[in-house]
């Protein structure tokens, strides 16, 4: 791939030195070599959207590829960017935010390699929520009703901001026609309870928790106004991406996990029987979620062939640019490296993409 951006000589030297000092990811694995004995460190947020990784681990797909995978928890995906950039972390995941693009523009060598969470029809796992008393009174039923109200997002300048902008547009509003409250998804339920927010974009399972607690109501689902948004992606560090065979081995296991996960759902609904039961058991054990909450929640979609919605990424990138949030230029096309997913699909066979 061509370089994403130009960085200063001193900056790139520091990045190279950090990568050399980090020493993770095992020895270089050239094309055609076995991945047996290789170690991979993967950043996770212990969220339900990490399901393909949990499934790949519990079902032995990483071991089948000869890999020893260590999951490293982070409070948020944003905190993975620096260790990914330095090579201290091999694989991570997260929403491509303005901060992510700014890090890349400064020279951090990151690659978007696969879908981890997108929202086609039936899989709108980040609904628009409104405080129940406002909904019941008839004050807030649609996008136009949100003008000057307090709307929660997890942080400033994330993909969620672009989602909100798309929803407000359906009501003739602009992004800054509402008051923005930046609160972590897990705190949205409490914020609704104490009246700190009027509406939100909240990911599952927090959306279902708020609904079951009777403090908020869903009024819209992203597929209805921003179909197939690429909300979360799988990332490779620059160092890990250079190890083509190793990266393909990891991707093969990941996609097997993604396919097992997606086989447990039909149009966004959990299927009855062994397939569904196994996914519930794996994900709830990994995250600590109650089975009753997970089974009621809307799942995230993961493309079984790892395909990334590049058009959606560009749309979000353009939103950040319009908001004046980007510090430098990056080429989104050059950041997406589909070669690992394509190589894995060549080994596994094409699964096809639901919701496409």
Protein backbone atom coordinates (compact mmCIF):
# COMPACT_ATOMS: atom_id res chain seq x y z
CA UNK A 1 0.00 0.00 0.00
CA UNK A 2 1.09 3.61 -0.53
CA UNK A 3 1.93 5.73 2.54
CA UNK A 4 -1.15 7.26 4.11
CA UNK A 5 0.36 10.61 4.98
CA UNK A 6 3.70 12.32 5.29
CA UNK A 7 5.12 12.64 8.79
CA UNK A 8 8.22 14.42 10.04
CA UNK A 9 11.46 12.46 10.04
CA UNK A 10 11.71 12.75 13.82
CA UNK A 11 8.13 11.60 14.28
CA UNK A 12 8.56 8.57 12.08
CA UNK A 13 11.85 7.71 13.79
CA UNK A 14 10.11 7.77 17.15
CA UNK A 15 7.35 5.52 15.84
CA UNK A 16 9.87 3.04 14.46
CA UNK A 17 11.80 3.03 17.72
CA UNK A 18 8.62 2.46 19.72
CA UNK A 19 7.64 -0.41 17.47
CA UNK A 20 11.05 -2.03 17.85
CA UNK A 21 10.94 -1.67 21.63
CA UNK A 22 7.42 -3.05 21.85
CA UNK A 23 8.40 -6.45 20.50
CA UNK A 24 4.93 -7.93 20.34
CA UNK A 25 3.31 -9.99 17.64
CA UNK A 26 5.99 -12.67 17.54
CA UNK A 27 8.65 -13.03 14.89
CA UNK A 28 8.05 -11.98 11.32
CA UNK A 29 5.81 -14.42 9.52
CA UNK A 30 6.44 -14.36 5.77
CA UNK A 31 3.91 -15.57 3.22
CA UNK A 32 3.70 -19.32 3.19
CA UNK A 33 5.14 -19.85 6.67
CA UNK A 34 3.18 -21.52 9.46
CA UNK A 35 1.66 -19.33 12.17
CA UNK A 36 2.25 -22.03 14.78
CA UNK A 37 3.51 -20.59 18.06
CA UNK A 38 2.80 -16.98 17.15
CA UNK A 39 1.43 -14.66 19.83
CA UNK A 40 -1.05 -11.88 19.16
CA UNK A 41 -2.21 -9.18 21.58
CA UNK A 42 -5.73 -7.91 20.94
CA UNK A 43 -7.37 -4.85 22.46
CA UNK A 44 -11.01 -5.25 23.53
CA UNK A 45 -13.53 -3.12 25.42
CA UNK A 46 -15.42 -6.08 26.95
CA UNK A 47 -18.48 -5.03 24.97
CA UNK A 48 -21.07 -7.16 23.21
CA UNK A 49 -19.72 -6.00 19.83
CA UNK A 50 -16.50 -7.89 20.60
CA UNK A 51 -18.55 -11.07 20.10
CA UNK A 52 -16.68 -12.38 17.00
CA UNK A 53 -13.43 -12.27 18.96
CA UNK A 54 -14.93 -14.08 21.95
CA UNK A 55 -16.47 -16.71 19.69
CA UNK A 56 -13.25 -17.25 17.74
CA UNK A 57 -11.43 -17.74 21.03
CA UNK A 58 -13.94 -20.04 22.74
CA UNK A 59 -14.54 -22.16 19.65
CA UNK A 60 -10.80 -22.69 19.18
CA UNK A 61 -10.45 -20.88 15.85
CA UNK A 62 -7.31 -19.02 16.95
CA UNK A 63 -5.72 -22.26 18.14
CA UNK A 64 -6.56 -23.89 14.81
CA UNK A 65 -4.37 -21.24 13.19
CA UNK A 66 -1.55 -21.91 15.65
CA UNK A 67 -2.10 -18.61 17.45
CA UNK A 68 -1.95 -17.77 21.13
CA UNK A 69 -4.18 -14.73 21.55
CA UNK A 70 -4.17 -12.48 24.60
CA UNK A 71 -7.08 -10.09 25.12
CA UNK A 72 -6.13 -6.76 26.69
CA UNK A 73 -9.11 -4.78 28.08
CA UNK A 74 -9.37 -1.01 27.57
CA UNK A 75 -11.85 1.44 29.05
CA UNK A 76 -12.52 2.76 25.56
CA UNK A 77 -11.41 2.07 22.03
CA UNK A 78 -9.82 5.54 21.86
CA UNK A 79 -7.21 4.39 24.37
CA UNK A 80 -6.08 1.65 21.96
CA UNK A 81 -4.86 4.10 19.33
CA UNK A 82 -1.50 4.99 20.90
CA UNK A 83 -0.43 1.38 21.69
CA UNK A 84 -1.58 0.29 18.23
CA UNK A 85 0.42 3.08 16.66
CA UNK A 86 3.57 2.16 18.57
CA UNK A 87 3.18 -1.58 17.97
CA UNK A 88 2.60 -2.44 21.62
CA UNK A 89 -0.80 -3.78 20.55
CA UNK A 90 -1.22 -5.92 17.44
CA UNK A 91 -4.98 -5.80 16.86
CA UNK A 92 -7.70 -3.52 18.16
CA UNK A 93 -11.13 -2.23 17.35
CA UNK A 94 -13.09 0.94 17.52
CA UNK A 95 -15.12 3.65 15.87
CA UNK A 96 -13.17 5.74 13.33
CA UNK A 97 -13.45 9.09 15.13
CA UNK A 98 -11.90 12.45 14.33
CA UNK A 99 -9.24 11.61 16.91
CA UNK A 100 -8.47 8.41 15.04
CA UNK A 101 -8.01 10.24 11.75
CA UNK A 102 -5.91 12.93 13.45
CA UNK A 103 -3.63 10.25 14.89
CA UNK A 104 -3.13 8.78 11.43
CA UNK A 105 -2.44 12.21 9.95
CA UNK A 106 0.36 12.58 12.52
CA UNK A 107 1.97 9.41 11.19
CA UNK A 108 0.62 6.59 13.33
CA UNK A 109 0.69 3.50 11.06
CA UNK A 110 -2.79 1.99 11.46
CA UNK A 111 -4.84 -0.09 9.05
CA UNK A 112 -8.60 -0.70 8.92
CA UNK A 113 -8.81 -4.38 7.96
CA UNK A 114 -12.37 -5.62 8.57
CA UNK A 115 -15.89 -4.83 9.70
CA UNK A 116 -16.55 -5.22 13.43
CA UNK A 117 -19.87 -3.44 13.81
CA UNK A 118 -22.16 -2.04 11.14
CA UNK A 119 -25.87 -1.29 10.96
CA UNK A 120 -27.86 -2.68 8.03
CA UNK A 121 -31.60 -3.30 8.39
CA UNK A 122 -32.41 -5.33 11.51
CA UNK A 123 -29.09 -4.53 13.17
CA UNK A 124 -29.53 -0.94 14.33
CA UNK A 125 -27.74 -1.51 17.63
CA UNK A 126 -27.43 2.21 18.41
CA UNK A 127 -31.02 3.53 18.40
CA UNK A 128 -32.21 7.07 19.01
CA UNK A 129 -33.67 7.13 22.52
CA UNK A 130 -35.95 9.75 24.12
CA UNK A 131 -36.73 10.21 27.81
CA UNK A 132 -40.01 8.41 28.46
CA UNK A 133 -41.86 11.32 30.05
CA UNK A 134 -41.10 13.51 27.02
CA UNK A 135 -42.30 10.79 24.67
CA UNK A 136 -45.44 10.00 26.66
CA UNK A 137 -46.38 13.69 26.81
CA UNK A 138 -46.07 13.94 23.04
CA UNK A 139 -43.32 16.57 23.22
CA UNK A 140 -40.72 14.46 21.44
CA UNK A 141 -41.74 11.98 18.77
CA UNK A 142 -39.44 12.81 15.85
CA UNK A 143 -36.18 14.49 14.87
CA UNK A 144 -37.64 17.98 14.48
CA UNK A 145 -38.78 17.89 18.13
CA UNK A 146 -35.18 17.72 19.38
CA UNK A 147 -34.31 21.37 18.65
CA UNK A 148 -32.47 22.91 21.62
CA UNK A 149 -32.86 19.73 23.70
CA UNK A 150 -29.97 17.88 25.42
CA UNK A 151 -28.81 14.88 23.38
CA UNK A 152 -26.19 12.45 24.69
CA UNK A 153 -23.29 11.01 22.71
CA UNK A 154 -20.40 8.93 24.13
CA UNK A 155 -17.74 11.52 23.31
CA UNK A 156 -17.08 14.46 21.04
CA UNK A 157 -16.30 13.86 17.36
CA UNK A 158 -17.03 10.14 17.14
CA UNK A 159 -18.90 8.22 14.45
CA UNK A 160 -21.95 8.64 16.68
CA UNK A 161 -21.81 12.37 16.00
CA UNK A 162 -22.19 11.68 12.30
CA UNK A 163 -25.11 9.34 13.04
CA UNK A 164 -26.83 12.09 15.03
CA UNK A 165 -26.25 14.61 12.26
CA UNK A 166 -27.86 12.23 9.76
CA UNK A 167 -30.90 11.77 12.02
CA UNK A 168 -31.35 15.49 12.70
CA UNK A 169 -31.25 16.15 8.97
CA UNK A 170 -34.43 14.09 8.55
CA UNK A 171 -36.18 16.73 10.65
CA UNK A 172 -34.63 19.71 8.92
CA UNK A 173 -32.15 20.32 11.74
CA UNK A 174 -28.39 20.75 11.75
CA UNK A 175 -25.96 19.05 14.13
CA UNK A 176 -25.60 22.13 16.33
CA UNK A 177 -29.34 22.74 16.61
CA UNK A 178 -29.29 20.52 19.74
CA UNK A 179 -27.30 20.72 22.97
CA UNK A 180 -24.61 18.02 23.05
CA UNK A 181 -23.91 16.09 26.23
CA UNK A 182 -20.86 13.80 26.15
CA UNK A 183 -21.56 10.84 28.43
CA UNK A 184 -20.34 7.26 28.20
CA UNK A 185 -22.95 4.82 26.90
CA UNK A 186 -23.10 2.95 30.22
CA UNK A 187 -24.08 6.20 32.01
CA UNK A 188 -26.95 7.03 29.64
CA UNK A 189 -29.45 5.07 31.73
CA UNK A 190 -28.67 7.06 34.86
CA UNK A 191 -28.70 10.32 32.89
CA UNK A 192 -32.22 9.53 31.66
CA UNK A 193 -33.30 8.61 35.18
CA UNK A 194 -32.16 11.90 36.74
CA UNK A 195 -33.28 14.07 33.82
CA UNK A 196 -29.76 15.11 32.81
CA UNK A 197 -30.52 14.32 29.16
CA UNK A 198 -33.58 14.48 26.93
CA UNK A 199 -32.46 12.10 24.19
CA UNK A 200 -29.48 10.03 23.13
CA UNK A 201 -27.84 7.73 20.67
CA UNK A 202 -27.12 4.70 22.84
CA UNK A 203 -25.54 1.41 21.87
CA UNK A 204 -26.76 -1.95 23.04
CA UNK A 205 -27.08 -3.32 25.64
CA UNK A 206 -27.48 0.05 27.40
CA UNK A 207 -30.39 0.92 25.10
CA UNK A 208 -32.27 -2.20 26.18
CA UNK A 209 -31.41 -1.59 29.85
CA UNK A 210 -32.88 1.93 29.60
CA UNK A 211 -35.95 0.59 27.88
CA UNK A 212 -36.50 -2.20 30.41
CA UNK A 213 -36.02 0.29 33.26
CA UNK A 214 -38.83 2.39 31.80
CA UNK A 215 -36.76 5.57 31.51
CA UNK A 216 -36.41 5.86 27.71
CA UNK A 217 -38.17 4.95 24.48
CA UNK A 218 -36.71 4.14 21.03
CA UNK A 219 -37.93 6.51 18.34
CA UNK A 220 -35.60 5.66 15.44
CA UNK A 221 -33.11 3.07 14.24
CA UNK A 222 -30.03 4.07 12.19
CA UNK A 223 -30.74 1.77 9.22
CA UNK A 224 -33.84 3.90 8.59
CA UNK A 225 -31.82 7.11 8.07
CA UNK A 226 -28.18 5.99 7.64
CA UNK A 227 -28.15 2.47 6.24
CA UNK A 228 -25.09 0.27 6.87
CA UNK A 229 -23.08 2.87 8.78
CA UNK A 230 -19.62 1.52 9.62
CA UNK A 231 -19.70 2.12 13.36
CA UNK A 232 -16.78 -0.08 14.43
CA UNK A 233 -13.83 -1.60 12.60
CA UNK A 234 -11.05 -4.10 13.22
CA UNK A 235 -7.61 -2.46 13.21
CA UNK A 236 -4.09 -3.79 12.66
CA UNK A 237 -1.01 -1.96 13.86
CA UNK A 238 1.43 -1.03 11.11
CA UNK A 239 3.93 -3.57 12.40
CA UNK A 240 1.38 -6.38 12.50
CA UNK A 241 0.12 -5.50 9.01
CA UNK A 242 3.62 -6.04 7.64
CA UNK A 243 3.42 -9.70 8.70
CA UNK A 244 1.15 -10.82 5.89
CA UNK A 245 0.83 -14.49 6.72
CA UNK A 246 0.35 -13.85 10.43
CA UNK A 247 -2.25 -11.18 9.71
CA UNK A 248 -4.08 -13.60 7.41
CA UNK A 249 -4.02 -16.38 10.02
CA UNK A 250 -5.59 -14.02 12.56
CA UNK A 251 -8.16 -12.81 10.04
CA UNK A 252 -9.10 -16.38 9.11
CA UNK A 253 -9.88 -17.16 12.74
CA UNK A 254 -11.69 -13.85 13.21
CA UNK A 255 -13.94 -14.39 10.20
CA UNK A 256 -14.75 -17.92 11.36
CA UNK A 257 -15.84 -16.37 14.65
CA UNK A 258 -17.84 -13.71 12.79
CA UNK A 259 -19.59 -16.37 10.71
CA UNK A 260 -20.43 -18.43 13.78
CA UNK A 261 -21.78 -15.29 15.44
CA UNK A 262 -23.88 -14.22 12.45
CA UNK A 263 -25.27 -17.75 12.05
CA UNK A 264 -26.97 -17.23 15.42
CA UNK A 265 -29.13 -14.39 14.04
CA UNK A 266 -31.77 -14.11 11.38
CA UNK A 267 -32.62 -10.55 10.36
CA UNK A 268 -31.37 -9.28 13.70
CA UNK A 269 -33.32 -11.83 15.73
CA UNK A 270 -31.59 -14.50 17.79
CA UNK A 271 -32.40 -17.94 16.40
CA UNK A 272 -33.74 -20.60 18.73
CA UNK A 273 -31.72 -23.70 19.45
CA UNK A 274 -28.05 -24.60 19.89
CA UNK A 275 -26.58 -21.88 17.66
CA UNK A 276 -28.30 -19.06 19.49
CA UNK A 277 -27.81 -20.58 22.93
CA UNK A 278 -24.07 -20.98 22.40
CA UNK A 279 -23.57 -17.35 21.36
CA UNK A 280 -25.56 -16.13 24.36
CA UNK A 281 -23.46 -18.28 26.66
CA UNK A 282 -20.14 -17.12 25.18
CA UNK A 283 -20.94 -13.40 25.07
CA UNK A 284 -22.60 -13.15 28.49
CA UNK A 285 -19.72 -15.06 30.10
CA UNK A 286 -17.19 -12.68 28.52
CA UNK A 287 -19.05 -9.44 29.26
CA UNK A 288 -20.98 -10.18 32.45
CA UNK A 289 -24.27 -9.24 30.78
CA UNK A 290 -27.47 -10.89 31.93
CA UNK A 291 -28.79 -13.35 29.37
CA UNK A 292 -32.22 -11.70 29.55
CA UNK A 293 -30.69 -8.37 28.50
CA UNK A 294 -28.49 -9.78 25.75
CA UNK A 295 -31.26 -11.81 24.16
CA UNK A 296 -33.56 -8.76 24.11
CA UNK A 297 -30.93 -6.41 22.68
CA UNK A 298 -30.49 -5.62 18.99
CA UNK A 299 -27.21 -7.19 17.82
CA UNK A 300 -24.45 -5.54 15.83
CA UNK A 301 -23.92 -6.84 12.32
CA UNK A 302 -20.51 -8.18 11.30
CA UNK A 303 -19.87 -8.88 7.64
CA UNK A 304 -18.94 -12.60 7.40
CA UNK A 305 -16.43 -11.77 4.67
CA UNK A 306 -15.00 -8.83 6.60
CA UNK A 307 -16.10 -6.23 4.04
CA UNK A 308 -15.87 -2.61 5.19
CA UNK A 309 -18.34 0.08 4.13
CA UNK A 310 -15.76 2.52 2.78
CA UNK A 311 -18.47 4.85 1.49
CA UNK A 312 -19.79 5.16 5.04
CA UNK A 313 -16.32 5.86 6.42
CA UNK A 314 -15.89 8.65 3.87
CA UNK A 315 -19.25 10.12 4.81
CA UNK A 316 -18.25 10.27 8.48
CA UNK A 317 -14.81 11.63 7.58
CA UNK A 318 -16.45 14.40 5.55
CA UNK A 319 -18.69 15.23 8.52
CA UNK A 320 -15.62 15.64 10.77
CA UNK A 321 -14.02 17.84 8.13
CA UNK A 322 -17.11 20.04 7.81
CA UNK A 323 -17.14 20.45 11.60
CA UNK A 324 -13.50 21.62 11.56
CA UNK A 325 -12.37 18.66 13.67
CA UNK A 326 -9.57 17.33 11.48
CA UNK A 327 -5.99 18.51 11.95
CA UNK A 328 -4.59 17.01 8.75
CA UNK A 329 -5.49 15.16 5.59
CA UNK A 330 -5.79 11.38 5.27
CA UNK A 331 -6.91 9.21 2.39
CA UNK A 332 -9.63 6.90 3.69
CA UNK A 333 -9.19 4.55 0.73
CA UNK A 334 -5.53 4.07 1.59
CA UNK A 335 -6.31 3.40 5.25
CA UNK A 336 -8.50 0.41 4.38
CA UNK A 337 -6.49 -2.74 3.70
CA UNK A 338 -8.84 -5.47 2.48
CA UNK A 339 -6.02 -7.86 1.55
CA UNK A 340 -6.18 -9.84 4.80
CA UNK A 341 -9.94 -10.42 4.60
CA UNK A 342 -9.65 -11.32 0.92
CA UNK A 343 -6.88 -13.83 1.67
CA UNK A 344 -8.92 -15.35 4.51
CA UNK A 345 -12.02 -15.61 2.31
CA UNK A 346 -9.92 -17.34 -0.35
CA UNK A 347 -9.18 -20.00 2.27
CA UNK A 348 -12.66 -20.20 3.79
CA UNK A 349 -14.84 -19.60 0.75
CA UNK A 350 -17.17 -16.66 0.20
CA UNK A 351 -19.94 -16.43 2.78
CA UNK A 352 -21.88 -13.62 1.15
CA UNK A 353 -23.18 -10.62 3.04
CA UNK A 354 -26.59 -10.40 4.65
CA UNK A 355 -28.21 -7.01 4.61
CA UNK A 356 -26.24 -5.95 1.56
